[in-house]
């Protein structure tokens, strides 16, 4: 059973595209993920500091307030994980604490910023 796609965002009304591959993994591009995050933080990101999502070889996403880019800059908090794992987190299929315990998510810097990510992702699902 597939979880429901996000219900708001730019373009097609979804935060992340609901396309999946044969293994049920998301297939959103870095640009689609960046645009989805940009839409989710448009009004109030609630982070208060900078955050970088390091998606390993697929690029990175940098958040500074409501500004979102693909710049590889220093941030108050850096989350390192694969693009597939980020999509699973965003869709609610992967718990952040579980991802950290299994080594699929690494946090560098201000842990309090990292703890705000689930709330940011939940904005995209509401």
PDB file of N, CA and C in Angstrom:
ATOM      1  N   UNK A   1       0.839  -1.184   0.000  1.00  0.00           N
ATOM      2  CA  UNK A   1       0.000   0.000   0.000  1.00  0.00           C
ATOM      3  C   UNK A   1       0.881   1.244   0.000  1.00  0.00           C
ATOM      4  N   UNK A   2       0.667   2.125  -0.956  1.00  0.00           N
ATOM      5  CA  UNK A   2       1.460   3.340  -1.050  1.00  0.00           C
ATOM      6  C   UNK A   2       0.885   4.399  -0.122  1.00  0.00           C
ATOM      7  N   UNK A   3       1.768   5.185   0.552  1.00  0.00           N
ATOM      8  CA  UNK A   3       1.244   6.296   1.335  1.00  0.00           C
ATOM      9  C   UNK A   3       0.711   7.362   0.398  1.00  0.00           C
ATOM     10  N   UNK A   4      -0.221   8.191   0.878  1.00  0.00           N
ATOM     11  CA  UNK A   4      -0.761   9.221  -0.002  1.00  0.00           C
ATOM     12  C   UNK A   4       0.303  10.242  -0.350  1.00  0.00           C
ATOM     13  N   UNK A   5       0.250  10.792  -1.587  1.00  0.00           N
ATOM     14  CA  UNK A   5       1.211  11.830  -1.950  1.00  0.00           C
ATOM     15  C   UNK A   5       0.907  13.095  -1.165  1.00  0.00           C
ATOM     16  N   UNK A   6       1.875  13.993  -1.092  1.00  0.00           N
ATOM     17  CA  UNK A   6       1.635  15.277  -0.452  1.00  0.00           C
ATOM     18  C   UNK A   6       0.534  15.997  -1.195  1.00  0.00           C
ATOM     19  N   UNK A   7      -0.135  16.899  -0.506  1.00  0.00           N
ATOM     20  CA  UNK A   7      -1.309  17.510  -1.097  1.00  0.00           C
ATOM     21  C   UNK A   7      -1.169  18.960  -1.485  1.00  0.00           C
ATOM     22  N   UNK A   8       0.000  19.573  -1.257  1.00  0.00           N
ATOM     23  CA  UNK A   8       0.106  20.954  -1.710  1.00  0.00           C
ATOM     24  C   UNK A   8       1.489  21.224  -2.251  1.00  0.00           C
ATOM     25  N   UNK A   9       1.609  22.259  -3.018  1.00  0.00           N
ATOM     26  CA  UNK A   9       2.903  22.625  -3.587  1.00  0.00           C
ATOM     27  C   UNK A   9       2.715  23.298  -4.922  1.00  0.00           C
ATOM     28  N   UNK A  10       3.826  23.617  -5.537  1.00  0.00           N
ATOM     29  CA  UNK A  10       3.782  24.312  -6.812  1.00  0.00           C
ATOM     30  C   UNK A  10       3.393  23.366  -7.932  1.00  0.00           C
ATOM     31  N   UNK A  11       2.891  23.926  -8.973  1.00  0.00           N
ATOM     32  CA  UNK A  11       2.626  23.144 -10.187  1.00  0.00           C
ATOM     33  C   UNK A  11       1.455  22.200 -10.041  1.00  0.00           C
ATOM     34  N   UNK A  12       1.733  20.940  -9.764  1.00  0.00           N
ATOM     35  CA  UNK A  12       0.680  19.933  -9.779  1.00  0.00           C
ATOM     36  C   UNK A  12      -0.052  19.798  -8.452  1.00  0.00           C
ATOM     37  N   UNK A  13       0.203  20.673  -7.474  1.00  0.00           N
ATOM     38  CA  UNK A  13      -0.518  20.616  -6.219  1.00  0.00           C
ATOM     39  C   UNK A  13       0.043  19.604  -5.239  1.00  0.00           C
ATOM     40  N   UNK A  14       1.195  19.028  -5.513  1.00  0.00           N
ATOM     41  CA  UNK A  14       1.797  18.049  -4.621  1.00  0.00           C
ATOM     42  C   UNK A  14       3.188  18.525  -4.243  1.00  0.00           C
ATOM     43  N   UNK A  15       3.577  18.268  -2.996  1.00  0.00           N
ATOM     44  CA  UNK A  15       4.895  18.712  -2.573  1.00  0.00           C
ATOM     45  C   UNK A  15       5.989  17.901  -3.239  1.00  0.00           C
ATOM     46  N   UNK A  16       5.839  16.609  -3.318  1.00  0.00           N
ATOM     47  CA  UNK A  16       6.761  15.776  -4.083  1.00  0.00           C
ATOM     48  C   UNK A  16       5.949  14.974  -5.077  1.00  0.00           C
ATOM     49  N   UNK A  17       6.462  14.770  -6.266  1.00  0.00           N
ATOM     50  CA  UNK A  17       5.737  13.956  -7.237  1.00  0.00           C
ATOM     51  C   UNK A  17       5.477  12.570  -6.671  1.00  0.00           C
ATOM     52  N   UNK A  18       4.359  12.003  -7.001  1.00  0.00           N
ATOM     53  CA  UNK A  18       4.022  10.690  -6.459  1.00  0.00           C
ATOM     54  C   UNK A  18       4.534   9.548  -7.324  1.00  0.00           C
ATOM     55  N   UNK A  19       5.394   9.861  -8.310  1.00  0.00           N
ATOM     56  CA  UNK A  19       5.958   8.817  -9.158  1.00  0.00           C
ATOM     57  C   UNK A  19       6.883   7.927  -8.336  1.00  0.00           C
ATOM     58  N   UNK A  20       6.873   6.637  -8.634  1.00  0.00           N
ATOM     59  CA  UNK A  20       7.787   5.705  -7.974  1.00  0.00           C
ATOM     60  C   UNK A  20       8.361   4.761  -9.018  1.00  0.00           C
ATOM     61  N   UNK A  21       9.488   4.123  -8.657  1.00  0.00           N
ATOM     62  CA  UNK A  21      10.067   3.129  -9.551  1.00  0.00           C
ATOM     63  C   UNK A  21       9.505   1.750  -9.205  1.00  0.00           C
ATOM     64  N   UNK A  22      10.056   0.694  -9.774  1.00  0.00           N
ATOM     65  CA  UNK A  22       9.548  -0.657  -9.547  1.00  0.00           C
ATOM     66  C   UNK A  22       9.646  -1.106  -8.096  1.00  0.00           C
ATOM     67  N   UNK A  23      10.578  -0.516  -7.335  1.00  0.00           N
ATOM     68  CA  UNK A  23      10.742  -0.882  -5.933  1.00  0.00           C
ATOM     69  C   UNK A  23       9.902   0.009  -5.021  1.00  0.00           C
ATOM     70  N   UNK A  24       9.078   0.875  -5.574  1.00  0.00           N
ATOM     71  CA  UNK A  24       8.238   1.753  -4.779  1.00  0.00           C
ATOM     72  C   UNK A  24       8.967   2.969  -4.232  1.00  0.00           C
ATOM     73  N   UNK A  25      10.189   3.222  -4.707  1.00  0.00           N
ATOM     74  CA  UNK A  25      10.968   4.375  -4.261  1.00  0.00           C
ATOM     75  C   UNK A  25      10.606   5.580  -5.114  1.00  0.00           C
ATOM     76  N   UNK A  26      10.687   6.764  -4.520  1.00  0.00           N
ATOM     77  CA  UNK A  26      10.397   7.988  -5.242  1.00  0.00           C
ATOM     78  C   UNK A  26      11.430   8.253  -6.322  1.00  0.00           C
ATOM     79  N   UNK A  27      11.014   8.985  -7.333  1.00  0.00           N
ATOM     80  CA  UNK A  27      11.925   9.294  -8.438  1.00  0.00           C
ATOM     81  C   UNK A  27      11.942  10.789  -8.742  1.00  0.00           C
ATOM     82  N   UNK A  28      11.745  11.617  -7.719  1.00  0.00           N
ATOM     83  CA  UNK A  28      11.774  13.061  -7.925  1.00  0.00           C
ATOM     84  C   UNK A  28      13.200  13.511  -8.211  1.00  0.00           C
ATOM     85  N   UNK A  29      13.332  14.507  -9.062  1.00  0.00           N
ATOM     86  CA  UNK A  29      14.647  15.072  -9.357  1.00  0.00           C
ATOM     87  C   UNK A  29      15.032  16.050  -8.248  1.00  0.00           C
ATOM     88  N   UNK A  30      16.299  16.424  -8.211  1.00  0.00           N
ATOM     89  CA  UNK A  30      16.762  17.407  -7.230  1.00  0.00           C
ATOM     90  C   UNK A  30      15.978  18.705  -7.393  1.00  0.00           C
ATOM     91  N   UNK A  31      15.737  19.111  -8.631  1.00  0.00           N
ATOM     92  CA  UNK A  31      14.994  20.352  -8.868  1.00  0.00           C
ATOM     93  C   UNK A  31      13.560  20.246  -8.352  1.00  0.00           C
ATOM     94  N   UNK A  32      12.904  19.109  -8.548  1.00  0.00           N
ATOM     95  CA  UNK A  32      11.537  18.935  -8.039  1.00  0.00           C
ATOM     96  C   UNK A  32      11.512  18.982  -6.516  1.00  0.00           C
ATOM     97  N   UNK A  33      12.494  18.356  -5.879  1.00  0.00           N
ATOM     98  CA  UNK A  33      12.565  18.378  -4.413  1.00  0.00           C
ATOM     99  C   UNK A  33      12.817  19.802  -3.932  1.00  0.00           C
ATOM    100  N   UNK A  34      13.736  20.520  -4.598  1.00  0.00           N
ATOM    101  CA  UNK A  34      14.035  21.904  -4.223  1.00  0.00           C
ATOM    102  C   UNK A  34      12.792  22.769  -4.329  1.00  0.00           C
ATOM    103  N   UNK A  35      12.053  22.645  -5.428  1.00  0.00           N
ATOM    104  CA  UNK A  35      10.829  23.434  -5.611  1.00  0.00           C
ATOM    105  C   UNK A  35       9.781  23.073  -4.556  1.00  0.00           C
ATOM    106  N   UNK A  36       9.682  21.801  -4.213  1.00  0.00           N
ATOM    107  CA  UNK A  36       8.722  21.369  -3.196  1.00  0.00           C
ATOM    108  C   UNK A  36       9.068  21.973  -1.842  1.00  0.00           C
ATOM    109  N   UNK A  37      10.338  21.969  -1.484  1.00  0.00           N
ATOM    110  CA  UNK A  37      10.760  22.568  -0.215  1.00  0.00           C
ATOM    111  C   UNK A  37      10.544  24.070  -0.253  1.00  0.00           C
ATOM    112  N   UNK A  38      10.851  24.696  -1.371  1.00  0.00           N
ATOM    113  CA  UNK A  38      10.639  26.142  -1.517  1.00  0.00           C
ATOM    114  C   UNK A  38       9.170  26.480  -1.251  1.00  0.00           C
ATOM    115  N   UNK A  39       8.279  25.691  -1.774  1.00  0.00           N
ATOM    116  CA  UNK A  39       6.848  25.921  -1.554  1.00  0.00           C
ATOM    117  C   UNK A  39       6.471  25.679  -0.092  1.00  0.00           C
ATOM    118  N   UNK A  40       7.022  24.641   0.526  1.00  0.00           N
ATOM    119  CA  UNK A  40       6.687  24.312   1.918  1.00  0.00           C
ATOM    120  C   UNK A  40       7.152  25.394   2.889  1.00  0.00           C
ATOM    121  N   UNK A  41       8.273  26.069   2.595  1.00  0.00           N
ATOM    122  CA  UNK A  41       8.797  27.089   3.509  1.00  0.00           C
ATOM    123  C   UNK A  41       8.423  28.503   3.081  1.00  0.00           C
ATOM    124  N   UNK A  42       7.643  28.628   2.051  1.00  0.00           N
ATOM    125  CA  UNK A  42       7.299  29.930   1.480  1.00  0.00           C
ATOM    126  C   UNK A  42       6.760  30.904   2.523  1.00  0.00           C
ATOM    127  N   UNK A  43       5.865  30.467   3.376  1.00  0.00           N
ATOM    128  CA  UNK A  43       5.231  31.358   4.334  1.00  0.00           C
ATOM    129  C   UNK A  43       6.045  31.465   5.625  1.00  0.00           C
ATOM    130  N   UNK A  44       6.317  30.350   6.277  1.00  0.00           N
ATOM    131  CA  UNK A  44       7.022  30.374   7.555  1.00  0.00           C
ATOM    132  C   UNK A  44       7.822  29.090   7.730  1.00  0.00           C
ATOM    133  N   UNK A  45       9.128  29.130   7.446  1.00  0.00           N
ATOM    134  CA  UNK A  45       9.920  27.910   7.579  1.00  0.00           C
ATOM    135  C   UNK A  45      10.073  27.461   9.018  1.00  0.00           C
ATOM    136  N   UNK A  46      10.090  28.393   9.959  1.00  0.00           N
ATOM    137  CA  UNK A  46      10.179  28.042  11.363  1.00  0.00           C
ATOM    138  C   UNK A  46      11.509  27.458  11.789  1.00  0.00           C
ATOM    139  N   UNK A  47      12.548  27.594  10.988  1.00  0.00           N
ATOM    140  CA  UNK A  47      13.844  27.028  11.351  1.00  0.00           C
ATOM    141  C   UNK A  47      14.671  27.986  12.203  1.00  0.00           C
ATOM    142  N   UNK A  48      14.696  29.248  11.841  1.00  0.00           N
ATOM    143  CA  UNK A  48      15.456  30.233  12.585  1.00  0.00           C
ATOM    144  C   UNK A  48      16.952  30.215  12.305  1.00  0.00           C
ATOM    145  N   UNK A  49      17.445  29.209  11.629  1.00  0.00           N
ATOM    146  CA  UNK A  49      18.856  29.088  11.276  1.00  0.00           C
ATOM    147  C   UNK A  49      18.953  28.457   9.894  1.00  0.00           C
ATOM    148  N   UNK A  50      20.180  28.340   9.403  1.00  0.00           N
ATOM    149  CA  UNK A  50      20.370  27.744   8.085  1.00  0.00           C
ATOM    150  C   UNK A  50      20.460  26.228   8.184  1.00  0.00           C
ATOM    151  N   UNK A  51      19.990  25.575   7.130  1.00  0.00           N
ATOM    152  CA  UNK A  51      19.972  24.115   7.056  1.00  0.00           C
ATOM    153  C   UNK A  51      20.415  23.692   5.667  1.00  0.00           C
ATOM    154  N   UNK A  52      21.281  22.699   5.614  1.00  0.00           N
ATOM    155  CA  UNK A  52      21.691  22.138   4.321  1.00  0.00           C
ATOM    156  C   UNK A  52      21.349  20.662   4.306  1.00  0.00           C
ATOM    157  N   UNK A  53      20.696  20.241   3.235  1.00  0.00           N
ATOM    158  CA  UNK A  53      20.440  18.824   2.989  1.00  0.00           C
ATOM    159  C   UNK A  53      21.484  18.361   1.984  1.00  0.00           C
ATOM    160  N   UNK A  54      22.407  17.541   2.437  1.00  0.00           N
ATOM    161  CA  UNK A  54      23.448  16.989   1.568  1.00  0.00           C
ATOM    162  C   UNK A  54      22.938  15.643   1.070  1.00  0.00           C
ATOM    163  N   UNK A  55      22.519  15.605  -0.182  1.00  0.00           N
ATOM    164  CA  UNK A  55      21.924  14.395  -0.752  1.00  0.00           C
ATOM    165  C   UNK A  55      22.981  13.564  -1.474  1.00  0.00           C
ATOM    166  N   UNK A  56      24.118  13.448  -0.839  1.00  0.00           N
ATOM    167  CA  UNK A  56      25.271  12.700  -1.352  1.00  0.00           C
ATOM    168  C   UNK A  56      25.582  13.112  -2.779  1.00  0.00           C
ATOM    169  N   UNK A  57      25.687  12.231  -3.698  1.00  0.00           N
ATOM    170  CA  UNK A  57      26.074  12.544  -5.072  1.00  0.00           C
ATOM    171  C   UNK A  57      24.994  13.227  -5.883  1.00  0.00           C
ATOM    172  N   UNK A  58      23.797  13.386  -5.315  1.00  0.00           N
ATOM    173  CA  UNK A  58      22.697  13.992  -6.062  1.00  0.00           C
ATOM    174  C   UNK A  58      22.600  15.498  -5.891  1.00  0.00           C
ATOM    175  N   UNK A  59      23.469  16.095  -5.082  1.00  0.00           N
ATOM    176  CA  UNK A  59      23.457  17.542  -4.883  1.00  0.00           C
ATOM    177  C   UNK A  59      23.059  17.903  -3.468  1.00  0.00           C
ATOM    178  N   UNK A  60      22.764  19.182  -3.275  1.00  0.00           N
ATOM    179  CA  UNK A  60      22.356  19.629  -1.950  1.00  0.00           C
ATOM    180  C   UNK A  60      21.285  20.705  -2.074  1.00  0.00           C
ATOM    181  N   UNK A  61      20.599  20.911  -0.956  1.00  0.00           N
ATOM    182  CA  UNK A  61      19.558  21.927  -0.872  1.00  0.00           C
ATOM    183  C   UNK A  61      19.876  22.770   0.348  1.00  0.00           C
ATOM    184  N   UNK A  62      19.945  24.086   0.168  1.00  0.00           N
ATOM    185  CA  UNK A  62      20.303  25.003   1.239  1.00  0.00           C
ATOM    186  C   UNK A  62      19.101  25.869   1.577  1.00  0.00           C
ATOM    187  N   UNK A  63      18.727  25.892   2.862  1.00  0.00           N
ATOM    188  CA  UNK A  63      17.602  26.702   3.331  1.00  0.00           C
ATOM    189  C   UNK A  63      18.119  27.783   4.256  1.00  0.00           C
ATOM    190  N   UNK A  64      17.733  29.023   3.972  1.00  0.00           N
ATOM    191  CA  UNK A  64      18.058  30.164   4.817  1.00  0.00           C
ATOM    192  C   UNK A  64      16.799  31.012   4.891  1.00  0.00           C
ATOM    193  N   UNK A  65      16.029  30.825   5.953  1.00  0.00           N
ATOM    194  CA  UNK A  65      14.722  31.465   6.035  1.00  0.00           C
ATOM    195  C   UNK A  65      13.817  30.861   4.975  1.00  0.00           C
ATOM    196  N   UNK A  66      13.186  31.719   4.187  1.00  0.00           N
ATOM    197  CA  UNK A  66      12.331  31.206   3.113  1.00  0.00           C
ATOM    198  C   UNK A  66      13.076  31.095   1.788  1.00  0.00           C
ATOM    199  N   UNK A  67      14.392  31.391   1.802  1.00  0.00           N
ATOM    200  CA  UNK A  67      15.211  31.257   0.587  1.00  0.00           C
ATOM    201  C   UNK A  67      15.733  29.828   0.489  1.00  0.00           C
ATOM    202  N   UNK A  68      15.502  29.207  -0.653  1.00  0.00           N
ATOM    203  CA  UNK A  68      15.928  27.825  -0.884  1.00  0.00           C
ATOM    204  C   UNK A  68      16.728  27.786  -2.178  1.00  0.00           C
ATOM    205  N   UNK A  69      17.910  27.157  -2.124  1.00  0.00           N
ATOM    206  CA  UNK A  69      18.744  27.064  -3.316  1.00  0.00           C
ATOM    207  C   UNK A  69      19.465  25.721  -3.327  1.00  0.00           C
ATOM    208  N   UNK A  70      20.209  25.498  -4.383  1.00  0.00           N
ATOM    209  CA  UNK A  70      21.032  24.286  -4.478  1.00  0.00           C
ATOM    210  C   UNK A  70      22.509  24.613  -4.260  1.00  0.00           C
ATOM    211  N   UNK A  71      22.769  25.719  -3.563  1.00  0.00           N
ATOM    212  CA  UNK A  71      24.142  26.113  -3.253  1.00  0.00           C
ATOM    213  C   UNK A  71      24.722  25.182  -2.192  1.00  0.00           C
ATOM    214  N   UNK A  72      25.996  24.883  -2.343  1.00  0.00           N
ATOM    215  CA  UNK A  72      26.709  24.072  -1.360  1.00  0.00           C
ATOM    216  C   UNK A  72      27.445  25.036  -0.442  1.00  0.00           C
ATOM    217  N   UNK A  73      26.741  25.497   0.611  1.00  0.00           N
ATOM    218  CA  UNK A  73      27.284  26.478   1.547  1.00  0.00           C
ATOM    219  C   UNK A  73      27.324  25.898   2.952  1.00  0.00           C
ATOM    220  N   UNK A  74      28.144  26.509   3.807  1.00  0.00           N
ATOM    221  CA  UNK A  74      28.149  26.123   5.214  1.00  0.00           C
ATOM    222  C   UNK A  74      26.806  26.497   5.824  1.00  0.00           C
ATOM    223  N   UNK A  75      26.334  25.656   6.742  1.00  0.00           N
ATOM    224  CA  UNK A  75      25.046  25.892   7.387  1.00  0.00           C
ATOM    225  C   UNK A  75      25.160  25.610   8.880  1.00  0.00           C
ATOM    226  N   UNK A  76      24.196  26.122   9.633  1.00  0.00           N
ATOM    227  CA  UNK A  76      24.161  25.844  11.068  1.00  0.00           C
ATOM    228  C   UNK A  76      23.974  24.355  11.323  1.00  0.00           C
ATOM    229  N   UNK A  77      23.256  23.698  10.424  1.00  0.00           N
ATOM    230  CA  UNK A  77      23.014  22.258  10.543  1.00  0.00           C
ATOM    231  C   UNK A  77      23.054  21.640   9.152  1.00  0.00           C
ATOM    232  N   UNK A  78      23.744  20.531   9.028  1.00  0.00           N
ATOM    233  CA  UNK A  78      23.794  19.785   7.768  1.00  0.00           C
ATOM    234  C   UNK A  78      23.261  18.387   8.005  1.00  0.00           C
ATOM    235  N   UNK A  79      22.295  17.998   7.194  1.00  0.00           N
ATOM    236  CA  UNK A  79      21.762  16.640   7.224  1.00  0.00           C
ATOM    237  C   UNK A  79      22.282  15.923   5.995  1.00  0.00           C
ATOM    238  N   UNK A  80      22.980  14.823   6.202  1.00  0.00           N
ATOM    239  CA  UNK A  80      23.523  14.048   5.088  1.00  0.00           C
ATOM    240  C   UNK A  80      22.748  12.742   4.967  1.00  0.00           C
ATOM    241  N   UNK A  81      22.165  12.529   3.795  1.00  0.00           N
ATOM    242  CA  UNK A  81      21.403  11.319   3.523  1.00  0.00           C
ATOM    243  C   UNK A  81      21.233  11.187   2.022  1.00  0.00           C
ATOM    244  N   UNK A  82      20.826  10.009   1.587  1.00  0.00           N
ATOM    245  CA  UNK A  82      20.611   9.814   0.152  1.00  0.00           C
ATOM    246  C   UNK A  82      19.314  10.490  -0.279  1.00  0.00           C
ATOM    247  N   UNK A  83      19.207  10.767  -1.561  1.00  0.00           N
ATOM    248  CA  UNK A  83      17.974  11.363  -2.096  1.00  0.00           C
ATOM    249  C   UNK A  83      16.784  10.446  -1.860  1.00  0.00           C
ATOM    250  N   UNK A  84      16.977   9.143  -2.040  1.00  0.00           N
ATOM    251  CA  UNK A  84      15.892   8.187  -1.791  1.00  0.00           C
ATOM    252  C   UNK A  84      15.438   8.232  -0.342  1.00  0.00           C
ATOM    253  N   UNK A  85      16.399   8.290   0.590  1.00  0.00           N
ATOM    254  CA  UNK A  85      16.032   8.348   2.004  1.00  0.00           C
ATOM    255  C   UNK A  85      15.326   9.658   2.335  1.00  0.00           C
ATOM    256  N   UNK A  86      15.750  10.769   1.709  1.00  0.00           N
ATOM    257  CA  UNK A  86      15.053  12.026   1.946  1.00  0.00           C
ATOM    258  C   UNK A  86      13.608  11.934   1.457  1.00  0.00           C
ATOM    259  N   UNK A  87      13.414  11.355   0.279  1.00  0.00           N
ATOM    260  CA  UNK A  87      12.043  11.212  -0.231  1.00  0.00           C
ATOM    261  C   UNK A  87      11.202  10.360   0.722  1.00  0.00           C
ATOM    262  N   UNK A  88      11.800   9.292   1.261  1.00  0.00           N
ATOM    263  CA  UNK A  88      11.071   8.457   2.221  1.00  0.00           C
ATOM    264  C   UNK A  88      10.737   9.241   3.489  1.00  0.00           C
ATOM    265  N   UNK A  89      11.672  10.078   3.961  1.00  0.00           N
ATOM    266  CA  UNK A  89      11.391  10.932   5.123  1.00  0.00           C
ATOM    267  C   UNK A  89      10.248  11.891   4.805  1.00  0.00           C
ATOM    268  N   UNK A  90      10.323  12.521   3.650  1.00  0.00           N
ATOM    269  CA  UNK A  90       9.323  13.507   3.264  1.00  0.00           C
ATOM    270  C   UNK A  90       7.935  12.896   3.112  1.00  0.00           C
ATOM    271  N   UNK A  91       7.882  11.666   2.687  1.00  0.00           N
ATOM    272  CA  UNK A  91       6.599  10.994   2.492  1.00  0.00           C
ATOM    273  C   UNK A  91       6.119  10.284   3.762  1.00  0.00           C
ATOM    274  N   UNK A  92       6.917  10.335   4.823  1.00  0.00           N
ATOM    275  CA  UNK A  92       6.521   9.706   6.077  1.00  0.00           C
ATOM    276  C   UNK A  92       6.777   8.218   6.132  1.00  0.00           C
ATOM    277  N   UNK A  93       7.563   7.686   5.198  1.00  0.00           N
ATOM    278  CA  UNK A  93       7.867   6.254   5.170  1.00  0.00           C
ATOM    279  C   UNK A  93       9.091   5.894   5.995  1.00  0.00           C
ATOM    280  N   UNK A  94       9.879   6.906   6.400  1.00  0.00           N
ATOM    281  CA  UNK A  94      11.097   6.675   7.170  1.00  0.00           C
ATOM    282  C   UNK A  94      11.112   7.645   8.339  1.00  0.00           C
ATOM    283  N   UNK A  95      11.225   7.117   9.536  1.00  0.00           N
ATOM    284  CA  UNK A  95      11.277   7.920  10.739  1.00  0.00           C
ATOM    285  C   UNK A  95      12.685   8.506  10.891  1.00  0.00           C
ATOM    286  N   UNK A  96      12.820   9.811  11.183  1.00  0.00           N
ATOM    287  CA  UNK A  96      14.150  10.408  11.309  1.00  0.00           C
ATOM    288  C   UNK A  96      15.022   9.734  12.379  1.00  0.00           C
ATOM    289  N   UNK A  97      14.447   9.403  13.522  1.00  0.00           N
ATOM    290  CA  UNK A  97      15.228   8.759  14.591  1.00  0.00           C
ATOM    291  C   UNK A  97      15.734   7.393  14.139  1.00  0.00           C
ATOM    292  N   UNK A  98      14.883   6.639  13.466  1.00  0.00           N
ATOM    293  CA  UNK A  98      15.282   5.329  12.945  1.00  0.00           C
ATOM    294  C   UNK A  98      16.381   5.481  11.908  1.00  0.00           C
ATOM    295  N   UNK A  99      16.237   6.489  11.033  1.00  0.00           N
ATOM    296  CA  UNK A  99      17.251   6.729  10.000  1.00  0.00           C
ATOM    297  C   UNK A  99      18.601   7.049  10.638  1.00  0.00           C
ATOM    298  N   UNK A 100      18.591   7.827  11.723  1.00  0.00           N
ATOM    299  CA  UNK A 100      19.848   8.151  12.405  1.00  0.00           C
ATOM    300  C   UNK A 100      20.457   6.906  13.045  1.00  0.00           C
ATOM    301  N   UNK A 101      19.628   6.107  13.706  1.00  0.00           N
ATOM    302  CA  UNK A 101      20.142   4.906  14.374  1.00  0.00           C
ATOM    303  C   UNK A 101      20.722   3.913  13.384  1.00  0.00           C
ATOM    304  N   UNK A 102      20.176   3.861  12.196  1.00  0.00           N
ATOM    305  CA  UNK A 102      20.652   2.931  11.167  1.00  0.00           C
ATOM    306  C   UNK A 102      21.777   3.510  10.321  1.00  0.00           C
ATOM    307  N   UNK A 103      22.169   4.751  10.610  1.00  0.00           N
ATOM    308  CA  UNK A 103      23.254   5.376   9.864  1.00  0.00           C
ATOM    309  C   UNK A 103      22.848   5.903   8.503  1.00  0.00           C
ATOM    310  N   UNK A 104      21.552   5.981   8.231  1.00  0.00           N
ATOM    311  CA  UNK A 104      21.077   6.474   6.941  1.00  0.00           C
ATOM    312  C   UNK A 104      20.941   7.992   6.927  1.00  0.00           C
ATOM    313  N   UNK A 105      20.965   8.609   8.116  1.00  0.00           N
ATOM    314  CA  UNK A 105      20.873  10.052   8.261  1.00  0.00           C
ATOM    315  C   UNK A 105      21.955  10.485   9.246  1.00  0.00           C
ATOM    316  N   UNK A 106      22.796  11.417   8.817  1.00  0.00           N
ATOM    317  CA  UNK A 106      23.845  11.947   9.681  1.00  0.00           C
ATOM    318  C   UNK A 106      23.601  13.442   9.877  1.00  0.00           C
ATOM    319  N   UNK A 107      23.753  13.888  11.121  1.00  0.00           N
ATOM    320  CA  UNK A 107      23.526  15.293  11.451  1.00  0.00           C
ATOM    321  C   UNK A 107      24.841  15.907  11.900  1.00  0.00           C
ATOM    322  N   UNK A 108      25.185  17.043  11.301  1.00  0.00           N
ATOM    323  CA  UNK A 108      26.361  17.806  11.717  1.00  0.00           C
ATOM    324  C   UNK A 108      25.893  19.210  12.083  1.00  0.00           C
ATOM    325  N   UNK A 109      26.324  19.680  13.232  1.00  0.00           N
ATOM    326  CA  UNK A 109      25.965  21.034  13.638  1.00  0.00           C
ATOM    327  C   UNK A 109      24.848  21.042  14.660  1.00  0.00           C
ATOM    328  N   UNK A 110      24.012  22.057  14.575  1.00  0.00           N
ATOM    329  CA  UNK A 110      22.967  22.329  15.563  1.00  0.00           C
ATOM    330  C   UNK A 110      21.825  21.308  15.476  1.00  0.00           C
ATOM    331  N   UNK A 111      21.792  20.400  16.451  1.00  0.00           N
ATOM    332  CA  UNK A 111      20.772  19.348  16.479  1.00  0.00           C
ATOM    333  C   UNK A 111      19.357  19.925  16.605  1.00  0.00           C
ATOM    334  N   UNK A 112      19.220  21.084  17.220  1.00  0.00           N
ATOM    335  CA  UNK A 112      17.886  21.677  17.376  1.00  0.00           C
ATOM    336  C   UNK A 112      17.277  22.034  16.014  1.00  0.00           C
ATOM    337  N   UNK A 113      18.111  22.436  15.081  1.00  0.00           N
ATOM    338  CA  UNK A 113      17.618  22.721  13.724  1.00  0.00           C
ATOM    339  C   UNK A 113      17.142  21.417  13.084  1.00  0.00           C
ATOM    340  N   UNK A 114      17.927  20.354  13.253  1.00  0.00           N
ATOM    341  CA  UNK A 114      17.554  19.053  12.685  1.00  0.00           C
ATOM    342  C   UNK A 114      16.229  18.570  13.251  1.00  0.00           C
ATOM    343  N   UNK A 115      15.972  18.861  14.514  1.00  0.00           N
ATOM    344  CA  UNK A 115      14.733  18.393  15.148  1.00  0.00           C
ATOM    345  C   UNK A 115      13.506  19.125  14.607  1.00  0.00           C
ATOM    346  N   UNK A 116      13.705  20.223  13.900  1.00  0.00           N
ATOM    347  CA  UNK A 116      12.586  20.957  13.301  1.00  0.00           C
ATOM    348  C   UNK A 116      12.211  20.414  11.924  1.00  0.00           C
ATOM    349  N   UNK A 117      13.054  19.557  11.347  1.00  0.00           N
ATOM    350  CA  UNK A 117      12.777  19.041  10.003  1.00  0.00           C
ATOM    351  C   UNK A 117      11.450  18.297   9.916  1.00  0.00           C
ATOM    352  N   UNK A 118      11.110  17.407  10.868  1.00  0.00           N
ATOM    353  CA  UNK A 118       9.815  16.717  10.746  1.00  0.00           C
ATOM    354  C   UNK A 118       8.633  17.682  10.660  1.00  0.00           C
ATOM    355  N   UNK A 119       8.683  18.791  11.397  1.00  0.00           N
ATOM    356  CA  UNK A 119       7.609  19.778  11.313  1.00  0.00           C
ATOM    357  C   UNK A 119       7.558  20.450   9.951  1.00  0.00           C
ATOM    358  N   UNK A 120       8.726  20.718   9.392  1.00  0.00           N
ATOM    359  CA  UNK A 120       8.800  21.313   8.057  1.00  0.00           C
ATOM    360  C   UNK A 120       8.224  20.355   7.027  1.00  0.00           C
ATOM    361  N   UNK A 121       8.591  19.078   7.132  1.00  0.00           N
ATOM    362  CA  UNK A 121       8.076  18.084   6.192  1.00  0.00           C
ATOM    363  C   UNK A 121       6.575  17.880   6.370  1.00  0.00           C
ATOM    364  N   UNK A 122       6.107  17.971   7.595  1.00  0.00           N
ATOM    365  CA  UNK A 122       4.675  17.801   7.845  1.00  0.00           C
ATOM    366  C   UNK A 122       3.869  18.915   7.192  1.00  0.00           C
ATOM    367  N   UNK A 123       4.448  20.120   7.095  1.00  0.00           N
ATOM    368  CA  UNK A 123       3.762  21.215   6.398  1.00  0.00           C
ATOM    369  C   UNK A 123       3.431  20.809   4.969  1.00  0.00           C
ATOM    370  N   UNK A 124       4.327  20.068   4.367  1.00  0.00           N
ATOM    371  CA  UNK A 124       4.122  19.634   2.991  1.00  0.00           C
ATOM    372  C   UNK A 124       3.073  18.555   2.854  1.00  0.00           C
ATOM    373  N   UNK A 125       2.820  17.842   3.936  1.00  0.00           N
ATOM    374  CA  UNK A 125       1.835  16.753   3.870  1.00  0.00           C
ATOM    375  C   UNK A 125       0.446  17.211   4.258  1.00  0.00           C
ATOM    376  N   UNK A 126       0.324  18.417   4.834  1.00  0.00           N
ATOM    377  CA  UNK A 126      -1.004  18.870   5.283  1.00  0.00           C
ATOM    378  C   UNK A 126      -1.751  19.611   4.213  1.00  0.00           C
TER     379      UNK A 126
END
